[in-house]
Every structure is written in C-alpha cells, then in structure tokens.
C-alpha atoms as a PDB file:
ATOM      1  CA  UNK A   1      -9.510 -19.026  13.614  1.00  0.00           C
ATOM      2  CA  UNK A   2      -6.129 -17.060  13.302  1.00  0.00           C
ATOM      3  CA  UNK A   3      -3.158 -18.812  14.694  1.00  0.00           C
ATOM      4  CA  UNK A   4      -2.250 -17.436  18.002  1.00  0.00           C
ATOM      5  CA  UNK A   5       1.596 -17.152  17.570  1.00  0.00           C
ATOM      6  CA  UNK A   6       1.326 -15.482  14.081  1.00  0.00           C
ATOM      7  CA  UNK A   7      -1.094 -12.907  15.608  1.00  0.00           C
ATOM      8  CA  UNK A   8       1.546 -12.174  18.249  1.00  0.00           C
ATOM      9  CA  UNK A   9       3.973 -11.691  15.547  1.00  0.00           C
ATOM     10  CA  UNK A  10       1.915  -9.208  13.815  1.00  0.00           C
ATOM     11  CA  UNK A  11       1.289  -7.341  17.088  1.00  0.00           C
ATOM     12  CA  UNK A  12       4.878  -7.122  17.674  1.00  0.00           C
ATOM     13  CA  UNK A  13       5.278  -5.628  14.205  1.00  0.00           C
ATOM     14  CA  UNK A  14       2.431  -3.017  15.127  1.00  0.00           C
ATOM     15  CA  UNK A  15       4.440  -2.120  18.459  1.00  0.00           C
ATOM     16  CA  UNK A  16       7.652  -1.523  16.500  1.00  0.00           C
ATOM     17  CA  UNK A  17       5.878   0.856  14.042  1.00  0.00           C
ATOM     18  CA  UNK A  18       4.254   2.591  16.898  1.00  0.00           C
ATOM     19  CA  UNK A  19       7.384   3.316  18.666  1.00  0.00           C
ATOM     20  CA  UNK A  20       8.501   4.949  15.543  1.00  0.00           C
ATOM     21  CA  UNK A  21       5.374   6.744  14.414  1.00  0.00           C
ATOM     22  CA  UNK A  22       3.619   7.937  17.326  1.00  0.00           C
ATOM     23  CA  UNK A  23      -0.050   8.656  17.459  1.00  0.00           C
ATOM     24  CA  UNK A  24      -1.017   6.861  14.282  1.00  0.00           C
ATOM     25  CA  UNK A  25      -2.524   3.551  15.383  1.00  0.00           C
ATOM     26  CA  UNK A  26      -5.151   3.459  12.397  1.00  0.00           C
ATOM     27  CA  UNK A  27      -2.610   4.357   9.850  1.00  0.00           C
ATOM     28  CA  UNK A  28      -0.390   1.545  11.267  1.00  0.00           C
ATOM     29  CA  UNK A  29      -3.258  -0.919  11.299  1.00  0.00           C
ATOM     30  CA  UNK A  30      -4.153   0.085   7.724  1.00  0.00           C
ATOM     31  CA  UNK A  31      -0.591  -0.465   6.362  1.00  0.00           C
ATOM     32  CA  UNK A  32      -0.562  -4.011   8.130  1.00  0.00           C
ATOM     33  CA  UNK A  33      -3.854  -4.838   6.834  1.00  0.00           C
ATOM     34  CA  UNK A  34      -2.655  -4.044   3.285  1.00  0.00           C
ATOM     35  CA  UNK A  35       0.840  -6.107   3.847  1.00  0.00           C
ATOM     36  CA  UNK A  36      -1.173  -9.325   5.075  1.00  0.00           C
ATOM     37  CA  UNK A  37      -3.812  -9.115   2.363  1.00  0.00           C
ATOM     38  CA  UNK A  38      -0.872  -8.963  -0.238  1.00  0.00           C
ATOM     39  CA  UNK A  39      -1.505  -5.386  -1.298  1.00  0.00           C
ATOM     40  CA  UNK A  40       0.515  -2.333  -2.030  1.00  0.00           C
ATOM     41  CA  UNK A  41       0.439   0.996  -0.155  1.00  0.00           C
ATOM     42  CA  UNK A  42       0.784   4.583  -1.602  1.00  0.00           C
ATOM     43  CA  UNK A  43       1.622   6.963   1.160  1.00  0.00           C
ATOM     44  CA  UNK A  44       0.313  10.345   0.149  1.00  0.00           C
ATOM     45  CA  UNK A  45       1.109  13.335   2.367  1.00  0.00           C
ATOM     46  CA  UNK A  46       3.019  16.617   2.931  1.00  0.00           C
ATOM     47  CA  UNK A  47       7.036  16.435   3.500  1.00  0.00           C
ATOM     48  CA  UNK A  48       8.074  15.793   6.835  1.00  0.00           C
ATOM     49  CA  UNK A  49       5.437  13.555   8.456  1.00  0.00           C
ATOM     50  CA  UNK A  50       7.129  10.267   8.486  1.00  0.00           C
ATOM     51  CA  UNK A  51       6.020   8.393   5.321  1.00  0.00           C
ATOM     52  CA  UNK A  52       9.589   7.190   4.467  1.00  0.00           C
ATOM     53  CA  UNK A  53      10.477   6.310   8.049  1.00  0.00           C
ATOM     54  CA  UNK A  54       7.189   4.439   8.473  1.00  0.00           C
ATOM     55  CA  UNK A  55       8.093   2.302   5.253  1.00  0.00           C
ATOM     56  CA  UNK A  56      11.567   1.668   6.614  1.00  0.00           C
ATOM     57  CA  UNK A  57      10.275   0.719   9.922  1.00  0.00           C
ATOM     58  CA  UNK A  58       7.933  -1.862   8.320  1.00  0.00           C
ATOM     59  CA  UNK A  59      10.836  -3.121   6.182  1.00  0.00           C
ATOM     60  CA  UNK A  60      13.045  -3.431   9.327  1.00  0.00           C
ATOM     61  CA  UNK A  61      10.351  -5.166  11.252  1.00  0.00           C
ATOM     62  CA  UNK A  62      10.122  -8.034   8.660  1.00  0.00           C
ATOM     63  CA  UNK A  63      13.163 -10.564   8.186  1.00  0.00           C
ATOM     64  CA  UNK A  64      13.299  -9.980   4.392  1.00  0.00           C
ATOM     65  CA  UNK A  65      15.040  -8.430   1.595  1.00  0.00           C
ATOM     66  CA  UNK A  66      14.432  -4.560   1.339  1.00  0.00           C
ATOM     67  CA  UNK A  67      15.430  -2.293  -1.398  1.00  0.00           C
ATOM     68  CA  UNK A  68      14.787   1.546  -1.808  1.00  0.00           C
ATOM     69  CA  UNK A  69      14.446   3.590  -5.113  1.00  0.00           C
ATOM     70  CA  UNK A  70      14.750   7.240  -4.731  1.00  0.00           C
ATOM     71  CA  UNK A  71      12.690   8.462  -7.767  1.00  0.00           C
ATOM     72  CA  UNK A  72      13.945  11.233  -9.955  1.00  0.00           C
ATOM     73  CA  UNK A  73      12.830  12.407 -13.472  1.00  0.00           C
ATOM     74  CA  UNK A  74      16.055  10.974 -14.807  1.00  0.00           C
ATOM     75  CA  UNK A  75      15.541   7.406 -13.445  1.00  0.00           C
ATOM     76  CA  UNK A  76      15.229   4.838 -16.009  1.00  0.00           C
ATOM     77  CA  UNK A  77      13.242   1.464 -16.195  1.00  0.00           C
ATOM     78  CA  UNK A  78      16.430  -0.380 -16.421  1.00  0.00           C
ATOM     79  CA  UNK A  79      17.517   1.315 -13.108  1.00  0.00           C
ATOM     80  CA  UNK A  80      14.506  -0.456 -11.337  1.00  0.00           C
ATOM     81  CA  UNK A  81      14.187  -3.715 -13.509  1.00  0.00           C
ATOM     82  CA  UNK A  82      17.956  -4.466 -14.176  1.00  0.00           C
ATOM     83  CA  UNK A  83      20.035  -4.572 -17.460  1.00  0.00           C
ATOM     84  CA  UNK A  84      22.545  -6.912 -19.196  1.00  0.00           C
ATOM     85  CA  UNK A  85      26.164  -5.810 -19.058  1.00  0.00           C
ATOM     86  CA  UNK A  86      28.663  -7.436 -21.550  1.00  0.00           C
ATOM     87  CA  UNK A  87      31.302  -9.678 -20.097  1.00  0.00           C
ATOM     88  CA  UNK A  88      34.579  -9.519 -21.812  1.00  0.00           C
ATOM     89  CA  UNK A  89      35.872 -12.588 -20.511  1.00  0.00           C
ATOM     90  CA  UNK A  90      33.015 -14.745 -21.576  1.00  0.00           C
ATOM     91  CA  UNK A  91      32.016 -12.778 -24.429  1.00  0.00           C
ATOM     92  CA  UNK A  92      28.346 -13.004 -23.087  1.00  0.00           C
ATOM     93  CA  UNK A  93      25.727 -10.763 -21.488  1.00  0.00           C
ATOM     94  CA  UNK A  94      25.296 -10.925 -17.897  1.00  0.00           C
ATOM     95  CA  UNK A  95      21.970  -9.861 -16.345  1.00  0.00           C
ATOM     96  CA  UNK A  96      22.351  -7.871 -13.363  1.00  0.00           C
ATOM     97  CA  UNK A  97      19.123  -7.595 -11.371  1.00  0.00           C
ATOM     98  CA  UNK A  98      17.692  -4.271 -10.361  1.00  0.00           C
ATOM     99  CA  UNK A  99      16.393  -3.255  -6.842  1.00  0.00           C
ATOM    100  CA  UNK A 100      12.782  -4.772  -7.825  1.00  0.00           C
ATOM    101  CA  UNK A 101      14.155  -8.236  -6.988  1.00  0.00           C
ATOM    102  CA  UNK A 102      13.383  -8.009  -3.558  1.00  0.00           C
ATOM    103  CA  UNK A 103      10.459  -8.574  -0.914  1.00  0.00           C
ATOM    104  CA  UNK A 104       9.830  -5.004   0.297  1.00  0.00           C
ATOM    105  CA  UNK A 105      10.381  -2.118  -2.384  1.00  0.00           C
ATOM    106  CA  UNK A 106      10.198   1.479  -1.136  1.00  0.00           C
ATOM    107  CA  UNK A 107       9.603   3.772  -4.234  1.00  0.00           C
ATOM    108  CA  UNK A 108      10.381   7.030  -2.659  1.00  0.00           C
ATOM    109  CA  UNK A 109       8.455  10.109  -3.918  1.00  0.00           C
ATOM    110  CA  UNK A 110       7.299   8.098  -6.967  1.00  0.00           C
ATOM    111  CA  UNK A 111       5.478  10.766  -8.567  1.00  0.00           C
ATOM    112  CA  UNK A 112       8.929  12.491  -9.609  1.00  0.00           C
ATOM    113  CA  UNK A 113       9.804   9.371 -11.863  1.00  0.00           C
ATOM    114  CA  UNK A 114       8.688   9.667 -15.401  1.00  0.00           C
ATOM    115  CA  UNK A 115       5.617   7.926 -16.702  1.00  0.00           C
ATOM    116  CA  UNK A 116       7.858   5.648 -18.740  1.00  0.00           C
ATOM    117  CA  UNK A 117       9.738   4.628 -15.351  1.00  0.00           C
ATOM    118  CA  UNK A 118       6.609   4.626 -13.299  1.00  0.00           C
ATOM    119  CA  UNK A 119       5.192   1.942 -15.958  1.00  0.00           C
ATOM    120  CA  UNK A 120       8.048  -0.189 -14.973  1.00  0.00           C
ATOM    121  CA  UNK A 121       6.311  -1.287 -11.780  1.00  0.00           C
ATOM    122  CA  UNK A 122       3.051  -2.002 -13.311  1.00  0.00           C
ATOM    123  CA  UNK A 123       3.647  -5.677 -14.341  1.00  0.00           C
ATOM    124  CA  UNK A 124       5.371  -6.319 -11.012  1.00  0.00           C
ATOM    125  CA  UNK A 125       2.472  -5.013  -8.917  1.00  0.00           C
ATOM    126  CA  UNK A 126      -0.331  -6.581 -10.686  1.00  0.00           C
ATOM    127  CA  UNK A 127       1.181 -10.010 -11.577  1.00  0.00           C
ATOM    128  CA  UNK A 128       4.444 -10.194  -9.253  1.00  0.00           C
ATOM    129  CA  UNK A 129       6.754 -10.928 -12.226  1.00  0.00           C
ATOM    130  CA  UNK A 130       8.783  -8.674 -14.708  1.00  0.00           C
ATOM    131  CA  UNK A 131       9.554  -9.148 -18.434  1.00  0.00           C
ATOM    132  CA  UNK A 132      12.915  -8.222 -19.301  1.00  0.00           C
ATOM    133  CA  UNK A 133      14.755  -8.820 -22.794  1.00  0.00           C
ATOM    134  CA  UNK A 134      12.002 -11.385 -23.954  1.00  0.00           C
ATOM    135  CA  UNK A 135      12.103 -13.366 -20.719  1.00  0.00           C
ATOM    136  CA  UNK A 136       9.461 -13.593 -17.786  1.00  0.00           C
ATOM    137  CA  UNK A 137      10.793 -13.651 -14.454  1.00  0.00           C
ATOM    138  CA  UNK A 138       8.889 -14.305 -11.238  1.00  0.00           C
ATOM    139  CA  UNK A 139       9.637 -12.247  -8.404  1.00  0.00           C
ATOM    140  CA  UNK A 140      10.085 -13.332  -4.960  1.00  0.00           C
ATOM    141  CA  UNK A 141       7.191 -14.175  -2.437  1.00  0.00           C
ATOM    142  CA  UNK A 142       6.185 -12.113  -0.550  1.00  0.00           C
ATOM    143  CA  UNK A 143       6.532  -8.881  -2.746  1.00  0.00           C
ATOM    144  CA  UNK A 144       5.206  -5.633  -1.649  1.00  0.00           C
ATOM    145  CA  UNK A 145       5.676  -1.964  -2.967  1.00  0.00           C
ATOM    146  CA  UNK A 146       5.253   1.079  -0.629  1.00  0.00           C
ATOM    147  CA  UNK A 147       5.497   4.294  -2.504  1.00  0.00           C
ATOM    148  CA  UNK A 148       5.390   7.796  -1.334  1.00  0.00           C
ATOM    149  CA  UNK A 149       4.543  11.063  -2.719  1.00  0.00           C
ATOM    150  CA  UNK A 150       4.089  14.740  -1.829  1.00  0.00           C
ATOM    151  CA  UNK A 151       0.605  16.039  -3.125  1.00  0.00           C
ATOM    152  CA  UNK A 152       1.580  19.616  -2.728  1.00  0.00           C
ATOM    153  CA  UNK A 153       4.363  19.647  -5.218  1.00  0.00           C
ATOM    154  CA  UNK A 154       4.167  20.175  -8.935  1.00  0.00           C
ATOM    155  CA  UNK A 155       7.492  21.053 -10.193  1.00  0.00           C
ATOM    156  CA  UNK A 156       9.343  17.981 -11.573  1.00  0.00           C
ATOM    157  CA  UNK A 157       6.662  15.742 -10.726  1.00  0.00           C
ATOM    158  CA  UNK A 158       4.412  13.435 -12.922  1.00  0.00           C
ATOM    159  CA  UNK A 159       0.920  12.532 -11.548  1.00  0.00           C
ATOM    160  CA  UNK A 160       0.293   8.923 -11.278  1.00  0.00           C
ATOM    161  CA  UNK A 161      -2.029   7.654 -14.146  1.00  0.00           C
ATOM    162  CA  UNK A 162      -5.247   5.738 -13.023  1.00  0.00           C
ATOM    163  CA  UNK A 163      -3.945   2.380 -14.025  1.00  0.00           C
ATOM    164  CA  UNK A 164      -0.931   2.857 -11.596  1.00  0.00           C
ATOM    165  CA  UNK A 165      -3.135   4.012  -8.688  1.00  0.00           C
ATOM    166  CA  UNK A 166      -5.312   1.005  -9.302  1.00  0.00           C
ATOM    167  CA  UNK A 167      -2.635  -1.050  -8.475  1.00  0.00           C
ATOM    168  CA  UNK A 168      -2.268   0.329  -4.935  1.00  0.00           C
ATOM    169  CA  UNK A 169      -4.373  -1.484  -2.589  1.00  0.00           C
ATOM    170  CA  UNK A 170      -4.611   1.628  -0.420  1.00  0.00           C
ATOM    171  CA  UNK A 171      -3.681   5.319  -0.553  1.00  0.00           C
ATOM    172  CA  UNK A 172      -2.977   6.465   3.230  1.00  0.00           C
ATOM    173  CA  UNK A 173      -2.420   9.973   4.630  1.00  0.00           C
ATOM    174  CA  UNK A 174      -0.713  10.136   7.751  1.00  0.00           C
ATOM    175  CA  UNK A 175      -1.472  13.803   8.680  1.00  0.00           C
ATOM    176  CA  UNK A 176       0.229  15.880  11.310  1.00  0.00           C
ATOM    177  CA  UNK A 177       0.682  14.182  14.798  1.00  0.00           C
ATOM    178  CA  UNK A 178      -1.336  15.641  17.972  1.00  0.00           C
ATOM    179  CA  UNK A 179       0.634  17.825  20.354  1.00  0.00           C
ATOM    180  CA  UNK A 180       1.032  14.896  22.948  1.00  0.00           C
ATOM    181  CA  UNK A 181       2.368  12.469  20.158  1.00  0.00           C
ATOM    182  CA  UNK A 182       4.826  15.265  18.528  1.00  0.00           C
ATOM    183  CA  UNK A 183       6.038  15.996  22.067  1.00  0.00           C
ATOM    184  CA  UNK A 184       6.643  11.950  22.600  1.00  0.00           C
ATOM    185  CA  UNK A 185       8.474  12.198  19.300  1.00  0.00           C
ATOM    186  CA  UNK A 186      10.643  15.025  20.353  1.00  0.00           C
ATOM    187  CA  UNK A 187      11.802  13.279  23.621  1.00  0.00           C
ATOM    188  CA  UNK A 188      12.206   9.856  21.969  1.00  0.00           C
ATOM    189  CA  UNK A 189      14.610  11.410  19.311  1.00  0.00           C
ATOM    190  CA  UNK A 190      17.019  13.299  21.763  1.00  0.00           C
ATOM    191  CA  UNK A 191      19.391  10.479  22.265  1.00  0.00           C
ATOM    192  CA  UNK A 192      18.809   7.843  19.473  1.00  0.00           C
ATOM    193  CA  UNK A 193      16.953   7.344  16.301  1.00  0.00           C
ATOM    194  CA  UNK A 194      14.002   4.958  17.195  1.00  0.00           C
ATOM    195  CA  UNK A 195      14.757   2.834  14.059  1.00  0.00           C
ATOM    196  CA  UNK A 196      17.874   1.655  15.554  1.00  0.00           C
ATOM    197  CA  UNK A 197      15.859  -0.151  18.106  1.00  0.00           C
ATOM    198  CA  UNK A 198      13.724  -1.963  15.287  1.00  0.00           C
ATOM    199  CA  UNK A 199      14.163  -5.596  15.113  1.00  0.00           C
ATOM    200  CA  UNK A 200      12.906  -8.140  12.956  1.00  0.00           C
ATOM    201  CA  UNK A 201       9.924 -10.064  14.503  1.00  0.00           C
ATOM    202  CA  UNK A 202       8.411 -11.721  11.208  1.00  0.00           C
ATOM    203  CA  UNK A 203       9.829 -13.958   8.846  1.00  0.00           C
ATOM    204  CA  UNK A 204       8.841 -14.009   4.946  1.00  0.00           C
ATOM    205  CA  UNK A 205       7.501 -17.747   5.762  1.00  0.00           C
ATOM    206  CA  UNK A 206       5.274 -16.401   8.672  1.00  0.00           C
ATOM    207  CA  UNK A 207       3.950 -13.659   6.371  1.00  0.00           C
ATOM    208  CA  UNK A 208       3.065 -16.012   3.683  1.00  0.00           C
ATOM    209  CA  UNK A 209       1.341 -18.174   6.074  1.00  0.00           C
ATOM    210  CA  UNK A 210      -0.599 -15.275   7.402  1.00  0.00           C
ATOM    211  CA  UNK A 211      -1.641 -14.423   3.981  1.00  0.00           C
ATOM    212  CA  UNK A 212      -3.006 -17.940   3.539  1.00  0.00           C
ATOM    213  CA  UNK A 213      -4.997 -17.681   6.724  1.00  0.00           C
ATOM    214  CA  UNK A 214      -6.460 -14.352   5.536  1.00  0.00           C
ATOM    215  CA  UNK A 215      -7.780 -15.976   2.493  1.00  0.00           C
ATOM    216  CA  UNK A 216      -9.694 -18.497   4.432  1.00  0.00           C
ATOM    217  CA  UNK A 217     -11.734 -15.800   6.396  1.00  0.00           C
ATOM    218  CA  UNK A 218     -15.429 -15.786   5.508  1.00  0.00           C
ATOM    219  CA  UNK A 219     -17.354 -13.101   3.933  1.00  0.00           C
ATOM    220  CA  UNK A 220     -21.218 -13.681   4.459  1.00  0.00           C
ATOM    221  CA  UNK A 221     -23.166 -13.194   1.404  1.00  0.00           C
ATOM    222  CA  UNK A 222     -24.976 -10.179   2.463  1.00  0.00           C
ATOM    223  CA  UNK A 223     -21.654  -8.459   3.112  1.00  0.00           C
ATOM    224  CA  UNK A 224     -20.466  -9.434  -0.013  1.00  0.00           C
ATOM    225  CA  UNK A 225     -23.805  -7.736  -1.538  1.00  0.00           C
ATOM    226  CA  UNK A 226     -23.009  -4.710   0.471  1.00  0.00           C
ATOM    227  CA  UNK A 227     -19.463  -4.160  -0.788  1.00  0.00           C
ATOM    228  CA  UNK A 228     -20.752  -4.579  -4.503  1.00  0.00           C
ATOM    229  CA  UNK A 229     -23.396  -2.420  -3.980  1.00  0.00           C
ATOM    230  CA  UNK A 230     -20.945   0.439  -2.916  1.00  0.00           C
ATOM    231  CA  UNK A 231     -18.809  -0.196  -5.824  1.00  0.00           C
ATOM    232  CA  UNK A 232     -21.605  -0.209  -8.340  1.00  0.00           C
ATOM    233  CA  UNK A 233     -22.747   3.113  -6.848  1.00  0.00           C
ATOM    234  CA  UNK A 234     -19.484   4.695  -7.584  1.00  0.00           C
ATOM    235  CA  UNK A 235     -20.105   3.802 -11.227  1.00  0.00           C
ATOM    236  CA  UNK A 236     -23.450   5.350 -11.380  1.00  0.00           C
ATOM    237  CA  UNK A 237     -22.710   8.654  -9.701  1.00  0.00           C
ATOM    238  CA  UNK A 238     -22.850  11.665 -12.283  1.00  0.00           C
ATOM    239  CA  UNK A 239     -20.019  13.239 -10.707  1.00  0.00           C
ATOM    240  CA  UNK A 240     -17.621  10.846 -11.466  1.00  0.00           C
ATOM    241  CA  UNK A 241     -15.823  10.293 -14.629  1.00  0.00           C
ATOM    242  CA  UNK A 242     -14.539   6.915 -13.532  1.00  0.00           C
ATOM    243  CA  UNK A 243     -15.968   4.722 -10.757  1.00  0.00           C
ATOM    244  CA  UNK A 244     -14.376   1.816  -8.881  1.00  0.00           C
ATOM    245  CA  UNK A 245     -13.543  -1.335 -11.061  1.00  0.00           C
ATOM    246  CA  UNK A 246     -14.027  -4.945 -10.350  1.00  0.00           C
ATOM    247  CA  UNK A 247     -10.354  -5.074  -8.888  1.00  0.00           C
ATOM    248  CA  UNK A 248     -11.394  -2.390  -6.334  1.00  0.00           C
ATOM    249  CA  UNK A 249     -14.130  -4.942  -5.085  1.00  0.00           C
ATOM    250  CA  UNK A 250     -11.576  -7.709  -4.847  1.00  0.00           C
ATOM    251  CA  UNK A 251      -9.018  -5.426  -3.023  1.00  0.00           C
ATOM    252  CA  UNK A 252     -11.833  -4.351  -0.786  1.00  0.00           C
ATOM    253  CA  UNK A 253     -12.855  -7.876  -0.025  1.00  0.00           C
ATOM    254  CA  UNK A 254      -9.334  -9.026   0.612  1.00  0.00           C
ATOM    255  CA  UNK A 255      -8.429  -5.993   2.955  1.00  0.00           C
ATOM    256  CA  UNK A 256     -11.692  -6.637   5.007  1.00  0.00           C
ATOM    257  CA  UNK A 257     -10.697 -10.448   5.512  1.00  0.00           C
ATOM    258  CA  UNK A 258      -7.181  -8.850   6.594  1.00  0.00           C
ATOM    259  CA  UNK A 259      -9.112  -6.559   9.200  1.00  0.00           C
ATOM    260  CA  UNK A 260     -11.108  -9.407  10.508  1.00  0.00           C
ATOM    261  CA  UNK A 261      -7.970 -11.559  10.938  1.00  0.00           C
ATOM    262  CA  UNK A 262      -6.326  -8.647  12.782  1.00  0.00           C
ATOM    263  CA  UNK A 263      -9.362  -8.690  14.998  1.00  0.00           C
ATOM    264  CA  UNK A 264      -8.796 -12.348  15.647  1.00  0.00           C
ATOM    265  CA  UNK A 265     -11.954 -13.236  13.807  1.00  0.00           C
ATOM    266  CA  UNK A 266     -12.593 -15.588  10.818  1.00  0.00           C
ATOM    267  CA  UNK A 267     -15.499 -13.673   9.384  1.00  0.00           C
ATOM    268  CA  UNK A 268     -16.027 -10.316   8.040  1.00  0.00           C
ATOM    269  CA  UNK A 269     -18.373  -7.770   9.764  1.00  0.00           C
ATOM    270  CA  UNK A 270     -19.674  -4.403   8.226  1.00  0.00           C
ATOM    271  CA  UNK A 271     -17.440  -2.526  10.566  1.00  0.00           C
ATOM    272  CA  UNK A 272     -14.293  -4.008   8.722  1.00  0.00           C
ATOM    273  CA  UNK A 273     -15.745  -2.743   5.275  1.00  0.00           C
ATOM    274  CA  UNK A 274     -16.556   0.525   6.606  1.00  0.00           C
ATOM    275  CA  UNK A 275     -12.850   0.984   8.269  1.00  0.00           C
ATOM    276  CA  UNK A 276     -11.689   0.421   4.490  1.00  0.00           C
ATOM    277  CA  UNK A 277     -13.867   2.027   2.270  1.00  0.00           C
ATOM    278  CA  UNK A 278     -11.905   5.403   1.971  1.00  0.00           C
ATOM    279  CA  UNK A 279      -8.343   4.277   1.874  1.00  0.00           C
ATOM    280  CA  UNK A 280      -9.306   1.566  -0.728  1.00  0.00           C
ATOM    281  CA  UNK A 281     -11.535   3.372  -2.840  1.00  0.00           C
ATOM    282  CA  UNK A 282     -11.180   6.988  -2.933  1.00  0.00           C
ATOM    283  CA  UNK A 283      -7.835   7.140  -4.954  1.00  0.00           C
ATOM    284  CA  UNK A 284      -9.661   4.861  -7.844  1.00  0.00           C
ATOM    285  CA  UNK A 285     -12.378   7.503  -8.503  1.00  0.00           C
ATOM    286  CA  UNK A 286     -11.878  10.202 -11.195  1.00  0.00           C
ATOM    287  CA  UNK A 287     -13.982  13.241 -10.547  1.00  0.00           C
ATOM    288  CA  UNK A 288     -15.289  15.372 -13.495  1.00  0.00           C
ATOM    289  CA  UNK A 289     -14.111  18.888 -13.920  1.00  0.00           C
ATOM    290  CA  UNK A 290     -17.338  20.613 -12.592  1.00  0.00           C
ATOM    291  CA  UNK A 291     -17.032  18.539  -9.295  1.00  0.00           C
ATOM    292  CA  UNK A 292     -13.514  19.037  -8.792  1.00  0.00           C
ATOM    293  CA  UNK A 293     -13.882  22.983  -9.252  1.00  0.00           C
ATOM    294  CA  UNK A 294     -16.898  22.916  -6.923  1.00  0.00           C
ATOM    295  CA  UNK A 295     -14.478  21.674  -4.132  1.00  0.00           C
ATOM    296  CA  UNK A 296     -16.139  18.326  -3.718  1.00  0.00           C
ATOM    297  CA  UNK A 297     -13.520  15.598  -3.227  1.00  0.00           C
ATOM    298  CA  UNK A 298     -13.673  11.605  -3.656  1.00  0.00           C
ATOM    299  CA  UNK A 299     -14.088  11.275   0.007  1.00  0.00           C
ATOM    300  CA  UNK A 300     -16.985  13.629   0.198  1.00  0.00           C
ATOM    301  CA  UNK A 301     -18.719  11.529  -2.456  1.00  0.00           C
ATOM    302  CA  UNK A 302     -17.860   8.035  -0.904  1.00  0.00           C
ATOM    303  CA  UNK A 303     -19.247   9.357   2.518  1.00  0.00           C
ATOM    304  CA  UNK A 304     -22.565  10.400   0.941  1.00  0.00           C
ATOM    305  CA  UNK A 305     -22.596   6.840  -0.880  1.00  0.00           C
ATOM    306  CA  UNK A 306     -21.639   5.193   2.398  1.00  0.00           C
ATOM    307  CA  UNK A 307     -24.574   6.911   4.184  1.00  0.00           C
ATOM    308  CA  UNK A 308     -27.050   5.944   1.453  1.00  0.00           C
ATOM    309  CA  UNK A 309     -26.395   2.356   1.395  1.00  0.00           C
ATOM    310  CA  UNK A 310     -27.868   0.155   3.815  1.00  0.00           C
ATOM    311  CA  UNK A 311     -25.659  -1.800   6.092  1.00  0.00           C
ATOM    312  CA  UNK A 312     -26.540  -5.438   6.492  1.00  0.00           C
ATOM    313  CA  UNK A 313     -27.636  -6.483   9.950  1.00  0.00           C
END
C-alpha cells in the first residue's frame, strides 16, 4: 500500500496547486499523476488560462531545481543544452551547462522554437541524458519537462512533430474556469499573487520514493489486455494515419499505476484507465486528411473506441 506520509505530501502539493488554479481539480490530478509516474506534460490551451502559472506552482511545490526557457524562433539548441567557452587563463574550453540541467524544466510556448531547437529536448525527455560535444551526460533525477503551447496561433510557430508529441505522457487543456472559480480567482488576487504563498512540501528524494512505490502497483492481466485492445484498435482504425505506439501503452500503464497510488490503492481498476485514455492517447494519433476535413477529432474517435471495447469485470 502507498506510504501514508508520502500520500500526505502529494496531497499538500495538490492543495498548493488548487489555491493557485481554481476549479481545475481533474487537471491538477492529471499533472500530479504524470509527475509521480515519471512522465512529461504538454499544456495546450488558449492564452491566459493559467498554463505557465500552473507549471510554476508545481515547481515551487517541489523542493527541486527549476529552470525556465522562453521559446522563440531564434532560440538555439546550445541555449538549452549549454556550450563550451574558451578560458584564456587556462587555454582550455570550459563547459557551461544550459537550463536543461535541472529537475523541473518549463519550456514556455514550445511551438515557437524551431524544429532544430525542439529536437534538443528529444534525448533528454526519452532517455534522461544529453549528448554534447561527443560526451553523454546523465541528467539529475528526477527530471520532468512541462511545456506550454497556444493552439490558436500560427504566425511564428512550428507544430510539434509526432516524435516530439510522443515524448509527452499527457497533453492537457485547462479550459476556461466556471463563473464561481473565476470570481474566487479575482478576489484572491486583489491583494497578493497566490504564487507567493506556495511553499515546498515535497523533496526530490520523496518524489523518487513515490515513483518507486508507483512501479509496485499491480495491473491485473485482464486490465492489461483491456489497455492493449484499446491501443491496437487505434492502429486498425481507417480514419487514422497513425495509431498509438507501444510507448503509448507503457505510458498508459504507468499513468494508471500512478492514478491508483493517488487513490491509495496498490492495484489498478478500469476506472483508472478510463480517466487517462484521452489525455494519454489523443495527442499520439494522426488523423487522415478526409477525417480532419470532416471535423472529426482524435477525442471523438477515442470515445467511439472506448465505448466499443469491453471493460473487464
């Protein structure tokens, strides 16, 4: 069973985020599930709904190193990874680490960076290491990327390729808050920025311990088959150019374990899987041209497949 004091710390992080972003309990739970399962998160929504604020609040809630990259078209890979600078005193080159050498990295407006610069994150997100000037450097543990993007913008942006999207465990949209939550936000920000009250309540060591506990959560064979059936159904749908990869299956399983841990269980239920189908799988699917023009979305197709596949017990 999950360790009680670690559960309390994760719940304290949830409370921190809830005080900053009002009325978004499910979104907050999803980003926490991704964090404790070892995944990365892409926050995809219109400007002004709190994507960057949510990422900063999470970073402030964890006693860890935090770096931020403001992505622009002229950003270079060296601006992320680091570079060597000649030292006149020693007649040698000294390597200066870039912002990727951290525990939590915020890549703000990632789709404004060029494809060359976006690719600088691929190895780090997949293998938690970077290759620079012929050397392989292992990143700190834990390491998590939180990226934001605005889907309505087109000028000066570069859509993320499928290989990049597949590195993100989840793509989450916050959406507009309801009237009550928006009024609470207005009142809370009259005198002070809620971020100023966010205090660390989880250490890197605690997070690594939580991740080890999450790995021990059991997935019964019928539920594993249920997840596999969903994944394979996306590959066989004629409306999709590209279905979900084996990495998607592994990510769905890891996220379901984390959801069970969050609910104080050491076993996964179908409800855990159903909670995560859309945030984990939708951004990994590529629709064919006719389907896109018909107005069908990846979420529409996923919902159809979810309704067709039999849920175990």
